[in-house]
Amino acid sequence: MLELAEPKPDDLLYDLGCGDGRIVVRAAEKYGCRAVGFDIDPERVEEARENARRRGVEDRVTIVEQDVLKLDLSAADVVTLYLLPGLNEKLLPQLKRLKPGARVVSHDFGLPGIETAKTVELTNADGERTKVLYLWVAPLDGTK
């Protein structure tokens, strides 16, 4: 997901539903960007904070306990999603307010009615599709 989004050191990345924080931690480590993870589950929030501390990136990673449906995403340069389709759809009004050039990457689930800039299908050794990654670039007003 991060390779597809191509975060830059001066980017601000938001991971919605960050879980254990692996995406924000990796973004800070590999790409040097600032990253904020949001999760509604207090146990995942604490786990993600601990992972950032353990990896030494707490100066660039912030973990926030918050409902992603109540976020202002306008400051983000990159937004990563691994959420169910219904939640992706509910996030569309917020995602449509992203600044031009901001990138959105989703794992396995698209954004209904929004044309992708790029779709990548990953396969296993047997050639079976295992994952699909979607990339959009704001403004997200194009339709399929």
Protein backbone atom coordinates (compact mmCIF):
# COMPACT_ATOMS: atom_id res chain seq x y z
CA MET A 1 0.00 0.00 0.00
CA LEU A 2 2.79 2.41 0.87
CA GLU A 3 4.69 1.71 -2.34
CA LEU A 4 1.56 2.51 -4.30
CA ALA A 5 0.95 5.76 -2.37
CA GLU A 6 4.61 6.86 -2.66
CA PRO A 7 4.75 8.97 0.52
CA LYS A 8 7.41 11.68 0.62
CA PRO A 9 9.30 12.84 3.73
CA ASP A 10 7.25 16.03 3.94
CA ASP A 11 3.89 14.21 3.57
CA LEU A 12 1.33 13.66 6.28
CA LEU A 13 -0.15 10.17 6.14
CA TYR A 14 -3.41 9.17 7.84
CA ASP A 15 -4.19 5.49 8.40
CA LEU A 16 -7.89 5.04 9.13
CA GLY A 17 -8.55 2.03 11.35
CA CYS A 18 -4.84 1.67 12.08
CA GLY A 19 -5.06 -1.45 14.23
CA ASP A 20 -1.60 -2.27 15.60
CA GLY A 21 -0.04 0.68 13.75
CA ARG A 22 2.08 -1.27 11.30
CA ILE A 23 1.33 1.05 8.36
CA VAL A 24 2.10 4.30 10.19
CA VAL A 25 5.23 2.83 11.75
CA ARG A 26 6.47 1.56 8.39
CA ALA A 27 5.66 4.88 6.69
CA ALA A 28 7.74 6.75 9.26
CA GLU A 29 10.60 4.23 9.11
CA LYS A 30 10.89 3.74 5.37
CA TYR A 31 9.62 7.04 3.94
CA GLY A 32 10.41 9.44 6.78
CA CYS A 33 6.98 11.04 6.71
CA ARG A 34 4.76 12.05 9.59
CA ALA A 35 1.95 9.57 10.13
CA VAL A 36 -1.21 9.54 12.20
CA GLY A 37 -3.12 6.37 12.93
CA PHE A 38 -6.76 6.49 13.98
CA ASP A 39 -8.63 3.66 15.65
CA ILE A 40 -11.76 3.45 17.77
CA ASP A 41 -10.55 0.44 19.80
CA PRO A 42 -8.55 1.56 22.88
CA GLU A 43 -6.61 -1.72 22.97
CA ARG A 44 -5.45 -1.30 19.36
CA VAL A 45 -4.56 2.34 20.09
CA GLU A 46 -2.32 1.34 22.98
CA GLU A 47 -0.79 -1.49 20.93
CA ALA A 48 -0.06 0.90 18.06
CA ARG A 49 1.50 3.46 20.42
CA GLU A 50 3.71 0.76 21.91
CA ASN A 51 4.76 -0.39 18.43
CA ALA A 52 5.76 3.18 17.52
CA ARG A 53 7.76 3.49 20.78
CA ARG A 54 9.43 0.12 20.28
CA ARG A 55 10.44 1.02 16.69
CA GLY A 56 11.71 4.46 17.73
CA VAL A 57 9.39 6.51 15.52
CA GLU A 58 7.15 8.14 18.14
CA ASP A 59 8.53 11.52 17.08
CA ARG A 60 6.87 11.04 13.66
CA VAL A 61 3.92 8.79 14.56
CA THR A 62 0.82 9.79 16.47
CA ILE A 63 -1.96 7.37 17.36
CA VAL A 64 -5.40 8.80 18.10
CA GLU A 65 -8.42 7.04 19.57
CA GLN A 66 -11.22 8.41 17.41
CA ASP A 67 -14.11 7.40 15.19
CA VAL A 68 -12.86 7.80 11.61
CA LEU A 69 -16.28 9.02 10.49
CA LYS A 70 -15.74 12.18 12.55
CA LEU A 71 -12.33 13.12 11.13
CA ASP A 72 -11.31 16.10 9.09
CA LEU A 73 -9.02 14.55 6.48
CA SER A 74 -8.17 17.80 4.68
CA ALA A 75 -4.59 18.01 6.03
CA ALA A 76 -3.63 14.54 4.77
CA ASP A 77 -1.38 14.00 1.77
CA VAL A 78 -1.92 10.23 1.91
CA VAL A 79 -4.83 8.26 3.36
CA THR A 80 -4.65 4.49 3.75
CA LEU A 81 -7.74 2.32 4.22
CA TYR A 82 -8.27 -1.33 5.04
CA LEU A 83 -11.92 -1.00 5.92
CA LEU A 84 -15.09 -2.78 4.87
CA PRO A 85 -16.99 -1.46 1.83
CA GLY A 86 -19.79 0.12 3.86
CA LEU A 87 -17.33 2.18 5.87
CA ASN A 88 -15.42 3.21 2.75
CA GLU A 89 -18.71 4.46 1.31
CA LYS A 90 -19.51 6.43 4.47
CA LEU A 91 -16.07 8.07 4.26
CA LEU A 92 -16.62 9.36 0.72
CA PRO A 93 -17.78 12.87 1.75
CA GLN A 94 -14.61 13.32 3.83
CA LEU A 95 -12.35 11.86 1.14
CA LYS A 96 -13.87 14.14 -1.49
CA ARG A 97 -12.61 17.12 0.53
CA LEU A 98 -8.96 16.06 0.27
CA LYS A 99 -6.64 18.62 -1.28
CA PRO A 100 -5.71 18.12 -4.95
CA GLY A 101 -2.91 15.60 -5.34
CA ALA A 102 -3.62 13.76 -2.09
CA ARG A 103 -3.48 10.00 -2.53
CA VAL A 104 -5.88 7.41 -1.15
CA VAL A 105 -4.94 3.74 -1.08
CA SER A 106 -7.34 0.98 -0.12
CA HIS A 107 -6.68 -2.70 0.50
CA ASP A 108 -9.26 -5.05 -1.05
CA PHE A 109 -12.23 -2.67 -1.13
CA GLY A 110 -12.91 0.17 -3.55
CA LEU A 111 -14.72 3.46 -3.27
CA PRO A 112 -18.12 3.13 -4.93
CA GLY A 113 -18.53 5.30 -8.00
CA ILE A 114 -14.97 6.67 -7.94
CA GLU A 115 -12.61 5.80 -10.77
CA THR A 116 -9.19 4.57 -9.66
CA ALA A 117 -5.90 6.03 -10.83
CA LYS A 118 -4.38 2.56 -10.52
CA THR A 119 -5.44 -0.93 -9.47
CA VAL A 120 -2.88 -3.60 -8.55
CA GLU A 121 -3.78 -7.27 -8.24
CA LEU A 122 -1.38 -9.36 -6.17
CA THR A 123 -1.16 -13.10 -6.69
CA ASN A 124 0.33 -16.05 -4.84
CA ALA A 125 2.80 -18.58 -6.28
CA ASP A 126 -0.09 -20.46 -7.92
CA GLY A 127 -1.23 -17.35 -9.74
CA GLU A 128 -4.36 -16.99 -7.62
CA ARG A 129 -5.38 -13.45 -6.77
CA THR A 130 -4.77 -12.80 -3.09
CA LYS A 131 -5.26 -9.03 -2.76
CA VAL A 132 -6.29 -5.98 -4.70
CA LEU A 133 -4.90 -2.52 -3.97
CA TYR A 134 -6.61 0.62 -5.23
CA LEU A 135 -5.11 4.08 -5.67
CA TRP A 136 -7.01 7.33 -6.15
CA VAL A 137 -5.63 10.83 -6.51
CA ALA A 138 -7.69 13.79 -5.31
CA PRO A 139 -9.91 15.38 -6.33
CA LEU A 140 -12.09 12.28 -6.05
CA ASP A 141 -14.90 13.39 -8.31
CA GLY A 142 -14.47 11.02 -11.23
CA THR A 143 -17.04 8.28 -11.68
CA LYS A 144 -16.83 4.78 -13.01
